[in-house]
Amino acid sequence: MHKLSGTDISALTNPSPDFRVSLPIRATWQEETSVNLETVNYQHDGGVAIIKLNRPQAGNALSAQLASDLLAAASNAAKDDNVRAVVFSAEGDCFCFGGDLKEFKAFGGQPDKLKPIADQLHEAMSIFLTMPKPVIVAVNGMAAGAGVPISLVGDIIIVDETARFRLAYTAAGLSPDGGSTWLLPRLIGFRRTQELIFENRELSAQEAVEWGLATRTAVQGTALDTAIKQAQAMAEGPTMAYASAKKLLETTFANNFVAQTDIETQEIAANMAGHDGKEGIDAFVNKRKPNFKGVR
């Protein structure tokens, strides 16, 4: 996997006590407020940000512009305190065909032109994976090449029952990128990852769920609506508790039991002392619906 430009990847395995401080957002985007993007749609509805790839005429293939726009959208969602849950999907009948090989061919094999695209894509994915709020992905149609790992950046992955997944890199004489070799072994295991890479096996939506790539399927044409409803419910939930859960899951493969449970103790203590923890406990004891504010 290419190095994430401007991102401290150690934040994935050694996060600071303040999860928001460790969030890997490039300084370039710290002051970004515009969401008027060319190839990505960004909507903010209540506590939910909806981000959709928007190159349907090109199968939402990854171009230089799309990588830049996706990084901007992910950064906006991550740093906006009014956003408490994120939906990530795509316009049209295809989630993402992977890299725009027509554009890449025009580079004439010059790696210095491809590297900035990969770096921006990987950084956007890192932001989705580590932002302190839940991310729900809705996969419609085919996810191929880099579209496969791009579809895996959520905490919950909802796939249309007609969706399909195929890495396809070696079919084009290429090696995997987009975090494929980091994400897939952790989600589905080493041998199954080898099968997808070397045999270019295509997975159906149901197989993706059975293998552990996705959370569940949705009836054809309803994946996005299902994801939005899920995000709306989570946007009314204990945002900082979700953030703690993401932080803990990110560190679990790097820590031994003692180190991991030390972080668990720190996080539950911090949440219990905060507004939402107190509210949740009081609501449970008094058998009422909690009113979470998304803060500690």
C-alpha atoms as a PDB file:
ATOM      1  CA  MET A   1       0.000   0.000   0.000  1.00  0.00           C
ATOM      2  CA  HIS A   2       1.286   3.453  -0.845  1.00  0.00           C
ATOM      3  CA  LYS A   3       2.301   5.656   2.054  1.00  0.00           C
ATOM      4  CA  LEU A   4      -0.444   8.063   3.034  1.00  0.00           C
ATOM      5  CA  SER A   5       0.871  11.529   2.284  1.00  0.00           C
ATOM      6  CA  GLY A   6       0.618  13.795   5.290  1.00  0.00           C
ATOM      7  CA  THR A   7      -0.909  11.053   7.420  1.00  0.00           C
ATOM      8  CA  ASP A   8       0.602   9.426  10.471  1.00  0.00           C
ATOM      9  CA  ILE A   9      -0.347   5.799   9.954  1.00  0.00           C
ATOM     10  CA  SER A  10       0.801   5.085  13.522  1.00  0.00           C
ATOM     11  CA  ALA A  11      -2.493   6.682  14.588  1.00  0.00           C
ATOM     12  CA  LEU A  12      -4.168   3.442  13.510  1.00  0.00           C
ATOM     13  CA  THR A  13      -2.186   1.390  15.998  1.00  0.00           C
ATOM     14  CA  ASN A  14      -1.100   3.921  18.624  1.00  0.00           C
ATOM     15  CA  PRO A  15      -3.913   6.471  18.929  1.00  0.00           C
ATOM     16  CA  SER A  16      -3.677   9.376  21.326  1.00  0.00           C
ATOM     17  CA  PRO A  17      -6.065   9.572  24.309  1.00  0.00           C
ATOM     18  CA  ASP A  18      -8.082  12.206  22.454  1.00  0.00           C
ATOM     19  CA  PHE A  19      -9.397  10.330  19.435  1.00  0.00           C
ATOM     20  CA  ARG A  20     -10.143  13.510  17.560  1.00  0.00           C
ATOM     21  CA  VAL A  21      -6.563  14.716  17.871  1.00  0.00           C
ATOM     22  CA  SER A  22      -5.261  11.502  16.321  1.00  0.00           C
ATOM     23  CA  LEU A  23      -7.621  11.782  13.346  1.00  0.00           C
ATOM     24  CA  PRO A  24      -5.383  11.832  10.265  1.00  0.00           C
ATOM     25  CA  ILE A  25      -6.601  14.850   8.279  1.00  0.00           C
ATOM     26  CA  ARG A  26      -4.146  16.709   6.075  1.00  0.00           C
ATOM     27  CA  ALA A  27      -3.424  20.300   7.038  1.00  0.00           C
ATOM     28  CA  THR A  28      -4.391  21.215   3.457  1.00  0.00           C
ATOM     29  CA  TRP A  29      -8.010  20.453   4.275  1.00  0.00           C
ATOM     30  CA  GLN A  30      -8.226  21.867   7.781  1.00  0.00           C
ATOM     31  CA  GLU A  31      -9.872  25.074   6.543  1.00  0.00           C
ATOM     32  CA  GLU A  32     -11.865  23.454   3.736  1.00  0.00           C
ATOM     33  CA  THR A  33     -15.506  24.494   3.956  1.00  0.00           C
ATOM     34  CA  SER A  34     -16.686  24.120   0.357  1.00  0.00           C
ATOM     35  CA  VAL A  35     -18.502  20.970  -0.670  1.00  0.00           C
ATOM     36  CA  ASN A  36     -19.048  22.094  -4.267  1.00  0.00           C
ATOM     37  CA  LEU A  37     -17.238  19.145  -5.798  1.00  0.00           C
ATOM     38  CA  GLU A  38     -17.080  17.959  -9.408  1.00  0.00           C
ATOM     39  CA  THR A  39     -17.129  14.182  -9.076  1.00  0.00           C
ATOM     40  CA  VAL A  40     -18.486  13.572  -5.565  1.00  0.00           C
ATOM     41  CA  ASN A  41     -21.896  14.575  -4.221  1.00  0.00           C
ATOM     42  CA  TYR A  42     -21.963  15.795  -0.625  1.00  0.00           C
ATOM     43  CA  GLN A  43     -25.180  16.429   1.298  1.00  0.00           C
ATOM     44  CA  HIS A  44     -25.619  17.257   4.966  1.00  0.00           C
ATOM     45  CA  ASP A  45     -29.087  16.357   6.205  1.00  0.00           C
ATOM     46  CA  GLY A  46     -29.569  16.796   9.945  1.00  0.00           C
ATOM     47  CA  GLY A  47     -26.836  14.851  11.681  1.00  0.00           C
ATOM     48  CA  VAL A  48     -26.049  12.733   8.606  1.00  0.00           C
ATOM     49  CA  ALA A  49     -23.577  13.486   5.814  1.00  0.00           C
ATOM     50  CA  ILE A  50     -24.256  11.627   2.564  1.00  0.00           C
ATOM     51  CA  ILE A  51     -21.246  11.220   0.280  1.00  0.00           C
ATOM     52  CA  LYS A  52     -21.682   9.670  -3.169  1.00  0.00           C
ATOM     53  CA  LEU A  53     -19.202   9.030  -5.962  1.00  0.00           C
ATOM     54  CA  ASN A  54     -20.560  10.866  -8.989  1.00  0.00           C
ATOM     55  CA  ARG A  55     -19.024   9.653 -12.237  1.00  0.00           C
ATOM     56  CA  PRO A  56     -21.786   7.214 -13.215  1.00  0.00           C
ATOM     57  CA  GLN A  57     -21.043   7.613 -16.916  1.00  0.00           C
ATOM     58  CA  ALA A  58     -17.556   6.229 -16.204  1.00  0.00           C
ATOM     59  CA  GLY A  59     -18.610   3.573 -13.708  1.00  0.00           C
ATOM     60  CA  ASN A  60     -17.465   5.905 -10.914  1.00  0.00           C
ATOM     61  CA  ALA A  61     -13.909   4.984 -11.853  1.00  0.00           C
ATOM     62  CA  LEU A  62     -11.180   6.608  -9.806  1.00  0.00           C
ATOM     63  CA  SER A  63      -9.675   9.630 -11.588  1.00  0.00           C
ATOM     64  CA  ALA A  64      -7.375  12.349 -10.299  1.00  0.00           C
ATOM     65  CA  GLN A  65     -10.368  14.642  -9.776  1.00  0.00           C
ATOM     66  CA  LEU A  66     -12.418  11.997  -7.982  1.00  0.00           C
ATOM     67  CA  ALA A  67      -9.553  11.193  -5.604  1.00  0.00           C
ATOM     68  CA  SER A  68      -9.178  14.874  -4.759  1.00  0.00           C
ATOM     69  CA  ASP A  69     -12.936  15.372  -4.318  1.00  0.00           C
ATOM     70  CA  LEU A  70     -13.298  12.258  -2.170  1.00  0.00           C
ATOM     71  CA  LEU A  71     -10.538  13.466   0.140  1.00  0.00           C
ATOM     72  CA  ALA A  72     -12.262  16.850   0.465  1.00  0.00           C
ATOM     73  CA  ALA A  73     -15.633  15.232   1.210  1.00  0.00           C
ATOM     74  CA  ALA A  74     -14.218  12.802   3.777  1.00  0.00           C
ATOM     75  CA  SER A  75     -12.346  15.619   5.505  1.00  0.00           C
ATOM     76  CA  ASN A  76     -15.444  17.820   5.660  1.00  0.00           C
ATOM     77  CA  ALA A  77     -17.514  15.035   7.190  1.00  0.00           C
ATOM     78  CA  ALA A  78     -14.806  14.173   9.707  1.00  0.00           C
ATOM     79  CA  LYS A  79     -14.242  17.675  11.053  1.00  0.00           C
ATOM     80  CA  ASP A  80     -17.861  18.895  11.026  1.00  0.00           C
ATOM     81  CA  ASP A  81     -19.146  18.502  14.595  1.00  0.00           C
ATOM     82  CA  ASN A  82     -22.723  18.697  13.304  1.00  0.00           C
ATOM     83  CA  VAL A  83     -22.184  15.436  11.408  1.00  0.00           C
ATOM     84  CA  ARG A  84     -22.747  12.463  13.708  1.00  0.00           C
ATOM     85  CA  ALA A  85     -22.962   9.710  11.098  1.00  0.00           C
ATOM     86  CA  VAL A  86     -21.856   9.326   7.475  1.00  0.00           C
ATOM     87  CA  VAL A  87     -23.321   7.446   4.533  1.00  0.00           C
ATOM     88  CA  PHE A  88     -20.969   6.595   1.665  1.00  0.00           C
ATOM     89  CA  SER A  89     -22.323   5.310  -1.641  1.00  0.00           C
ATOM     90  CA  ALA A  90     -22.308   6.008  -5.390  1.00  0.00           C
ATOM     91  CA  GLU A  91     -24.563   7.393  -8.086  1.00  0.00           C
ATOM     92  CA  GLY A  92     -25.785   5.155 -10.895  1.00  0.00           C
ATOM     93  CA  ASP A  93     -25.851   1.394 -11.320  1.00  0.00           C
ATOM     94  CA  CYS A  94     -22.235   0.728 -10.386  1.00  0.00           C
ATOM     95  CA  PHE A  95     -20.432   1.410  -7.129  1.00  0.00           C
ATOM     96  CA  CYS A  96     -16.919   1.743  -8.569  1.00  0.00           C
ATOM     97  CA  PHE A  97     -15.067   0.019 -11.424  1.00  0.00           C
ATOM     98  CA  GLY A  98     -11.715   0.829  -9.799  1.00  0.00           C
ATOM     99  CA  GLY A  99      -9.075   3.051 -11.337  1.00  0.00           C
ATOM    100  CA  ASP A 100      -9.770   4.987 -14.526  1.00  0.00           C
ATOM    101  CA  LEU A 101      -7.448   2.956 -16.755  1.00  0.00           C
ATOM    102  CA  LYS A 102      -8.044   5.255 -19.736  1.00  0.00           C
ATOM    103  CA  GLU A 103      -6.752   8.183 -17.716  1.00  0.00           C
ATOM    104  CA  PHE A 104      -3.910   6.100 -16.299  1.00  0.00           C
ATOM    105  CA  LYS A 105      -2.886   4.969 -19.796  1.00  0.00           C
ATOM    106  CA  ALA A 106      -2.522   8.615 -20.808  1.00  0.00           C
ATOM    107  CA  PHE A 107       0.111   8.964 -18.061  1.00  0.00           C
ATOM    108  CA  GLY A 108       2.421   6.853 -20.207  1.00  0.00           C
ATOM    109  CA  GLY A 109       3.523   4.688 -17.313  1.00  0.00           C
ATOM    110  CA  GLN A 110       4.856   7.650 -15.337  1.00  0.00           C
ATOM    111  CA  PRO A 111       4.528   6.729 -11.630  1.00  0.00           C
ATOM    112  CA  ASP A 112       4.874  10.347 -10.522  1.00  0.00           C
ATOM    113  CA  LYS A 113       1.460  11.022 -12.059  1.00  0.00           C
ATOM    114  CA  LEU A 114      -0.232   8.011 -10.480  1.00  0.00           C
ATOM    115  CA  LYS A 115       1.234   8.390  -6.997  1.00  0.00           C
ATOM    116  CA  PRO A 116      -0.670  11.596  -6.026  1.00  0.00           C
ATOM    117  CA  ILE A 117      -3.966   9.900  -6.976  1.00  0.00           C
ATOM    118  CA  ALA A 118      -3.162   6.836  -4.884  1.00  0.00           C
ATOM    119  CA  ASP A 119      -2.001   8.977  -1.969  1.00  0.00           C
ATOM    120  CA  GLN A 120      -5.195  11.043  -1.949  1.00  0.00           C
ATOM    121  CA  LEU A 121      -7.382   7.958  -2.249  1.00  0.00           C
ATOM    122  CA  HIS A 122      -5.562   6.204   0.594  1.00  0.00           C
ATOM    123  CA  GLU A 123      -5.776   9.278   2.771  1.00  0.00           C
ATOM    124  CA  ALA A 124      -9.514   9.640   2.158  1.00  0.00           C
ATOM    125  CA  MET A 125      -9.959   5.977   3.087  1.00  0.00           C
ATOM    126  CA  SER A 126      -7.887   6.466   6.239  1.00  0.00           C
ATOM    127  CA  ILE A 127     -10.171   9.323   7.253  1.00  0.00           C
ATOM    128  CA  PHE A 128     -13.300   7.227   6.731  1.00  0.00           C
ATOM    129  CA  LEU A 129     -11.777   4.356   8.714  1.00  0.00           C
ATOM    130  CA  THR A 130     -10.688   6.502  11.657  1.00  0.00           C
ATOM    131  CA  MET A 131     -13.180   9.368  11.883  1.00  0.00           C
ATOM    132  CA  PRO A 132     -14.830   9.407  15.343  1.00  0.00           C
ATOM    133  CA  LYS A 133     -18.331   8.794  14.022  1.00  0.00           C
ATOM    134  CA  PRO A 134     -19.981   5.786  12.368  1.00  0.00           C
ATOM    135  CA  VAL A 135     -19.707   5.314   8.607  1.00  0.00           C
ATOM    136  CA  ILE A 136     -22.307   3.240   6.752  1.00  0.00           C
ATOM    137  CA  VAL A 137     -21.490   2.161   3.199  1.00  0.00           C
ATOM    138  CA  ALA A 138     -24.192   1.296   0.659  1.00  0.00           C
ATOM    139  CA  VAL A 139     -22.839  -0.747  -2.251  1.00  0.00           C
ATOM    140  CA  ASN A 140     -24.842  -0.711  -5.471  1.00  0.00           C
ATOM    141  CA  GLY A 141     -23.829  -2.840  -8.442  1.00  0.00           C
ATOM    142  CA  MET A 142     -20.250  -3.814  -9.219  1.00  0.00           C
ATOM    143  CA  ALA A 143     -17.285  -3.003  -7.005  1.00  0.00           C
ATOM    144  CA  ALA A 144     -14.139  -3.883  -8.917  1.00  0.00           C
ATOM    145  CA  GLY A 145     -10.432  -3.186  -8.502  1.00  0.00           C
ATOM    146  CA  ALA A 146      -9.938  -0.348  -6.041  1.00  0.00           C
ATOM    147  CA  GLY A 147     -13.726  -0.225  -5.770  1.00  0.00           C
ATOM    148  CA  VAL A 148     -13.515  -3.283  -3.510  1.00  0.00           C
ATOM    149  CA  PRO A 149     -11.371  -1.758  -0.738  1.00  0.00           C
ATOM    150  CA  ILE A 150     -13.130   1.605  -1.177  1.00  0.00           C
ATOM    151  CA  SER A 151     -16.392  -0.186  -0.352  1.00  0.00           C
ATOM    152  CA  LEU A 152     -14.917  -1.526   2.898  1.00  0.00           C
ATOM    153  CA  VAL A 153     -14.246   1.762   4.712  1.00  0.00           C
ATOM    154  CA  GLY A 154     -17.475   1.641   6.722  1.00  0.00           C
ATOM    155  CA  ASP A 155     -18.375   0.305  10.130  1.00  0.00           C
ATOM    156  CA  ILE A 156     -21.479  -1.202   8.557  1.00  0.00           C
ATOM    157  CA  ILE A 157     -21.514  -2.340   4.907  1.00  0.00           C
ATOM    158  CA  ILE A 158     -24.941  -2.769   3.288  1.00  0.00           C
ATOM    159  CA  VAL A 159     -24.910  -4.333  -0.172  1.00  0.00           C
ATOM    160  CA  ASP A 160     -27.626  -4.434  -2.792  1.00  0.00           C
ATOM    161  CA  GLU A 161     -28.581  -8.066  -3.361  1.00  0.00           C
ATOM    162  CA  THR A 162     -27.359  -7.715  -6.969  1.00  0.00           C
ATOM    163  CA  ALA A 163     -23.956  -6.260  -6.000  1.00  0.00           C
ATOM    164  CA  ARG A 164     -20.751  -8.039  -7.037  1.00  0.00           C
ATOM    165  CA  PHE A 165     -17.126  -7.804  -5.960  1.00  0.00           C
ATOM    166  CA  ARG A 166     -14.010  -8.575  -8.031  1.00  0.00           C
ATOM    167  CA  LEU A 167     -10.459  -7.349  -7.464  1.00  0.00           C
ATOM    168  CA  ALA A 168      -9.417  -7.756 -11.141  1.00  0.00           C
ATOM    169  CA  TYR A 169      -5.949  -6.233 -10.693  1.00  0.00           C
ATOM    170  CA  THR A 170      -3.929  -9.130 -12.075  1.00  0.00           C
ATOM    171  CA  ALA A 171      -6.300  -9.383 -15.045  1.00  0.00           C
ATOM    172  CA  ALA A 172      -4.942  -5.966 -16.061  1.00  0.00           C
ATOM    173  CA  GLY A 173      -1.344  -6.874 -15.212  1.00  0.00           C
ATOM    174  CA  LEU A 174      -1.412  -4.828 -12.030  1.00  0.00           C
ATOM    175  CA  SER A 175      -0.911  -5.452  -8.324  1.00  0.00           C
ATOM    176  CA  PRO A 176      -3.512  -4.585  -5.670  1.00  0.00           C
ATOM    177  CA  ASP A 177      -3.744  -1.150  -4.104  1.00  0.00           C
ATOM    178  CA  GLY A 178      -6.342   0.912  -2.267  1.00  0.00           C
ATOM    179  CA  GLY A 179      -5.460  -0.848   0.963  1.00  0.00           C
ATOM    180  CA  SER A 180      -6.613  -4.217  -0.414  1.00  0.00           C
ATOM    181  CA  THR A 181      -3.704  -6.128   1.088  1.00  0.00           C
ATOM    182  CA  TRP A 182      -4.245  -4.476   4.507  1.00  0.00           C
ATOM    183  CA  LEU A 183      -8.023  -4.642   4.741  1.00  0.00           C
ATOM    184  CA  LEU A 184      -8.840  -7.985   3.148  1.00  0.00           C
ATOM    185  CA  PRO A 185      -6.614 -10.283   5.244  1.00  0.00           C
ATOM    186  CA  ARG A 186      -8.064  -8.705   8.377  1.00  0.00           C
ATOM    187  CA  LEU A 187     -11.656  -9.119   7.187  1.00  0.00           C
ATOM    188  CA  ILE A 188     -11.687 -12.458   5.381  1.00  0.00           C
ATOM    189  CA  GLY A 189      -8.339 -14.111   6.128  1.00  0.00           C
ATOM    190  CA  PHE A 190      -5.126 -14.684   4.213  1.00  0.00           C
ATOM    191  CA  ARG A 191      -6.143 -17.660   2.038  1.00  0.00           C
ATOM    192  CA  ARG A 192      -9.389 -16.102   0.841  1.00  0.00           C
ATOM    193  CA  THR A 193      -7.534 -12.888   0.046  1.00  0.00           C
ATOM    194  CA  GLN A 194      -5.095 -14.911  -2.064  1.00  0.00           C
ATOM    195  CA  GLU A 195      -8.043 -16.500  -3.866  1.00  0.00           C
ATOM    196  CA  LEU A 196      -9.530 -13.124  -4.747  1.00  0.00           C
ATOM    197  CA  ILE A 197      -6.192 -11.733  -5.931  1.00  0.00           C
ATOM    198  CA  PHE A 198      -4.713 -14.659  -7.831  1.00  0.00           C
ATOM    199  CA  GLU A 199      -7.878 -16.248  -9.234  1.00  0.00           C
ATOM    200  CA  ASN A 200      -9.845 -13.015  -9.755  1.00  0.00           C
ATOM    201  CA  ARG A 201     -12.830 -14.716  -8.237  1.00  0.00           C
ATOM    202  CA  GLU A 202     -16.041 -12.691  -8.336  1.00  0.00           C
ATOM    203  CA  LEU A 203     -18.193 -12.676  -5.214  1.00  0.00           C
ATOM    204  CA  SER A 204     -21.934 -12.187  -5.151  1.00  0.00           C
ATOM    205  CA  ALA A 205     -23.556  -9.963  -2.543  1.00  0.00           C
ATOM    206  CA  GLN A 206     -24.544 -12.968  -0.438  1.00  0.00           C
ATOM    207  CA  GLU A 207     -21.041 -14.448  -0.673  1.00  0.00           C
ATOM    208  CA  ALA A 208     -19.593 -11.098   0.394  1.00  0.00           C
ATOM    209  CA  VAL A 209     -21.719 -11.268   3.542  1.00  0.00           C
ATOM    210  CA  GLU A 210     -20.856 -14.915   4.179  1.00  0.00           C
ATOM    211  CA  TRP A 211     -17.131 -14.230   3.762  1.00  0.00           C
ATOM    212  CA  GLY A 212     -17.200 -11.190   6.041  1.00  0.00           C
ATOM    213  CA  LEU A 213     -16.695  -8.410   3.502  1.00  0.00           C
ATOM    214  CA  ALA A 214     -20.153  -6.975   4.114  1.00  0.00           C
ATOM    215  CA  THR A 215     -22.614  -6.736   6.986  1.00  0.00           C
ATOM    216  CA  ARG A 216     -25.858  -7.662   5.242  1.00  0.00           C
ATOM    217  CA  THR A 217     -27.715  -7.487   1.956  1.00  0.00           C
ATOM    218  CA  ALA A 218     -30.645  -5.250   1.053  1.00  0.00           C
ATOM    219  CA  VAL A 219     -33.475  -5.837  -1.392  1.00  0.00           C
ATOM    220  CA  GLN A 220     -32.553  -4.636  -4.874  1.00  0.00           C
ATOM    221  CA  GLY A 221     -32.634  -0.864  -5.118  1.00  0.00           C
ATOM    222  CA  THR A 222     -32.896  -0.241  -1.358  1.00  0.00           C
ATOM    223  CA  ALA A 223     -29.278  -0.317  -0.122  1.00  0.00           C
ATOM    224  CA  LEU A 224     -28.905   3.470  -0.003  1.00  0.00           C
ATOM    225  CA  ASP A 225     -32.237   4.058   1.744  1.00  0.00           C
ATOM    226  CA  THR A 226     -31.378   1.318   4.232  1.00  0.00           C
ATOM    227  CA  ALA A 227     -27.994   2.913   4.910  1.00  0.00           C
ATOM    228  CA  ILE A 228     -29.547   6.359   5.393  1.00  0.00           C
ATOM    229  CA  LYS A 229     -32.092   5.014   7.884  1.00  0.00           C
ATOM    230  CA  GLN A 230     -29.282   3.277   9.769  1.00  0.00           C
ATOM    231  CA  ALA A 231     -27.215   6.462   9.803  1.00  0.00           C
ATOM    232  CA  GLN A 232     -30.162   8.567  10.980  1.00  0.00           C
ATOM    233  CA  ALA A 233     -30.686   6.211  13.908  1.00  0.00           C
ATOM    234  CA  MET A 234     -26.985   6.264  14.790  1.00  0.00           C
ATOM    235  CA  ALA A 235     -26.835  10.052  14.450  1.00  0.00           C
ATOM    236  CA  GLU A 236     -29.166  10.176  17.463  1.00  0.00           C
ATOM    237  CA  GLY A 237     -26.954   7.784  19.388  1.00  0.00           C
ATOM    238  CA  PRO A 238     -23.901   8.130  21.668  1.00  0.00           C
ATOM    239  CA  THR A 239     -21.398   9.436  19.112  1.00  0.00           C
ATOM    240  CA  MET A 240     -18.399   9.365  21.454  1.00  0.00           C
ATOM    241  CA  ALA A 241     -19.147   5.781  22.464  1.00  0.00           C
ATOM    242  CA  TYR A 242     -19.115   4.868  18.780  1.00  0.00           C
ATOM    243  CA  ALA A 243     -15.819   6.758  18.436  1.00  0.00           C
ATOM    244  CA  SER A 244     -14.350   4.784  21.320  1.00  0.00           C
ATOM    245  CA  ALA A 245     -15.499   1.521  19.747  1.00  0.00           C
ATOM    246  CA  LYS A 246     -13.812   2.417  16.456  1.00  0.00           C
ATOM    247  CA  LYS A 247     -10.622   3.361  18.275  1.00  0.00           C
ATOM    248  CA  LEU A 248     -10.591   0.089  20.193  1.00  0.00           C
ATOM    249  CA  LEU A 249     -11.205  -2.042  17.127  1.00  0.00           C
ATOM    250  CA  GLU A 250      -8.420  -0.275  15.240  1.00  0.00           C
ATOM    251  CA  THR A 251      -5.876  -1.068  17.937  1.00  0.00           C
ATOM    252  CA  THR A 252      -6.901  -4.637  18.691  1.00  0.00           C
ATOM    253  CA  PHE A 253      -4.565  -6.417  16.245  1.00  0.00           C
ATOM    254  CA  ALA A 254      -1.536  -4.438  17.411  1.00  0.00           C
ATOM    255  CA  ASN A 255      -1.999  -4.858  21.171  1.00  0.00           C
ATOM    256  CA  ASN A 256      -1.668  -7.702  23.615  1.00  0.00           C
ATOM    257  CA  PHE A 257      -4.524  -8.371  26.037  1.00  0.00           C
ATOM    258  CA  VAL A 258      -3.192  -6.133  28.818  1.00  0.00           C
ATOM    259  CA  ALA A 259      -2.540  -3.168  26.537  1.00  0.00           C
ATOM    260  CA  GLN A 260      -5.928  -3.495  24.871  1.00  0.00           C
ATOM    261  CA  THR A 261      -7.877  -3.777  28.110  1.00  0.00           C
ATOM    262  CA  ASP A 262      -6.009  -0.749  29.495  1.00  0.00           C
ATOM    263  CA  ILE A 263      -7.406   1.292  26.594  1.00  0.00           C
ATOM    264  CA  GLU A 264     -10.845  -0.231  27.133  1.00  0.00           C
ATOM    265  CA  THR A 265     -10.756   0.902  30.756  1.00  0.00           C
ATOM    266  CA  GLN A 266      -9.724   4.435  29.770  1.00  0.00           C
ATOM    267  CA  GLU A 267     -12.459   4.721  27.173  1.00  0.00           C
ATOM    268  CA  ILE A 268     -15.346   3.348  29.225  1.00  0.00           C
ATOM    269  CA  ALA A 269     -14.332   5.498  32.186  1.00  0.00           C
ATOM    270  CA  ALA A 270     -14.256   8.612  29.995  1.00  0.00           C
ATOM    271  CA  ASN A 271     -17.640   7.799  28.481  1.00  0.00           C
ATOM    272  CA  MET A 272     -19.198   6.976  31.841  1.00  0.00           C
ATOM    273  CA  ALA A 273     -18.092  10.363  33.180  1.00  0.00           C
ATOM    274  CA  GLY A 274     -19.480  12.226  30.176  1.00  0.00           C
ATOM    275  CA  HIS A 275     -22.954  13.468  29.322  1.00  0.00           C
ATOM    276  CA  ASP A 276     -24.030  10.570  27.142  1.00  0.00           C
ATOM    277  CA  GLY A 277     -22.736   7.937  29.531  1.00  0.00           C
ATOM    278  CA  LYS A 278     -24.595   9.496  32.457  1.00  0.00           C
ATOM    279  CA  GLU A 279     -27.697   9.930  30.304  1.00  0.00           C
ATOM    280  CA  GLY A 280     -27.572   6.348  29.050  1.00  0.00           C
ATOM    281  CA  ILE A 281     -27.177   4.872  32.529  1.00  0.00           C
ATOM    282  CA  ASP A 282     -29.952   7.030  33.961  1.00  0.00           C
ATOM    283  CA  ALA A 283     -32.266   6.144  31.070  1.00  0.00           C
ATOM    284  CA  PHE A 284     -31.550   2.438  31.543  1.00  0.00           C
ATOM    285  CA  VAL A 285     -32.155   2.550  35.295  1.00  0.00           C
ATOM    286  CA  ASN A 286     -35.354   4.564  34.892  1.00  0.00           C
ATOM    287  CA  LYS A 287     -36.549   2.582  31.871  1.00  0.00           C
ATOM    288  CA  ARG A 288     -36.869   5.529  29.509  1.00  0.00           C
ATOM    289  CA  LYS A 289     -35.480   6.420  26.080  1.00  0.00           C
ATOM    290  CA  PRO A 290     -32.091   8.179  26.349  1.00  0.00           C
ATOM    291  CA  ASN A 291     -31.517  11.613  24.840  1.00  0.00           C
ATOM    292  CA  PHE A 292     -27.942  11.423  23.600  1.00  0.00           C
ATOM    293  CA  LYS A 293     -26.162  14.629  22.564  1.00  0.00           C
ATOM    294  CA  GLY A 294     -23.137  13.016  20.960  1.00  0.00           C
ATOM    295  CA  VAL A 295     -20.705  14.476  23.504  1.00  0.00           C
ATOM    296  CA  ARG A 296     -18.801  13.473  26.603  1.00  0.00           C
END
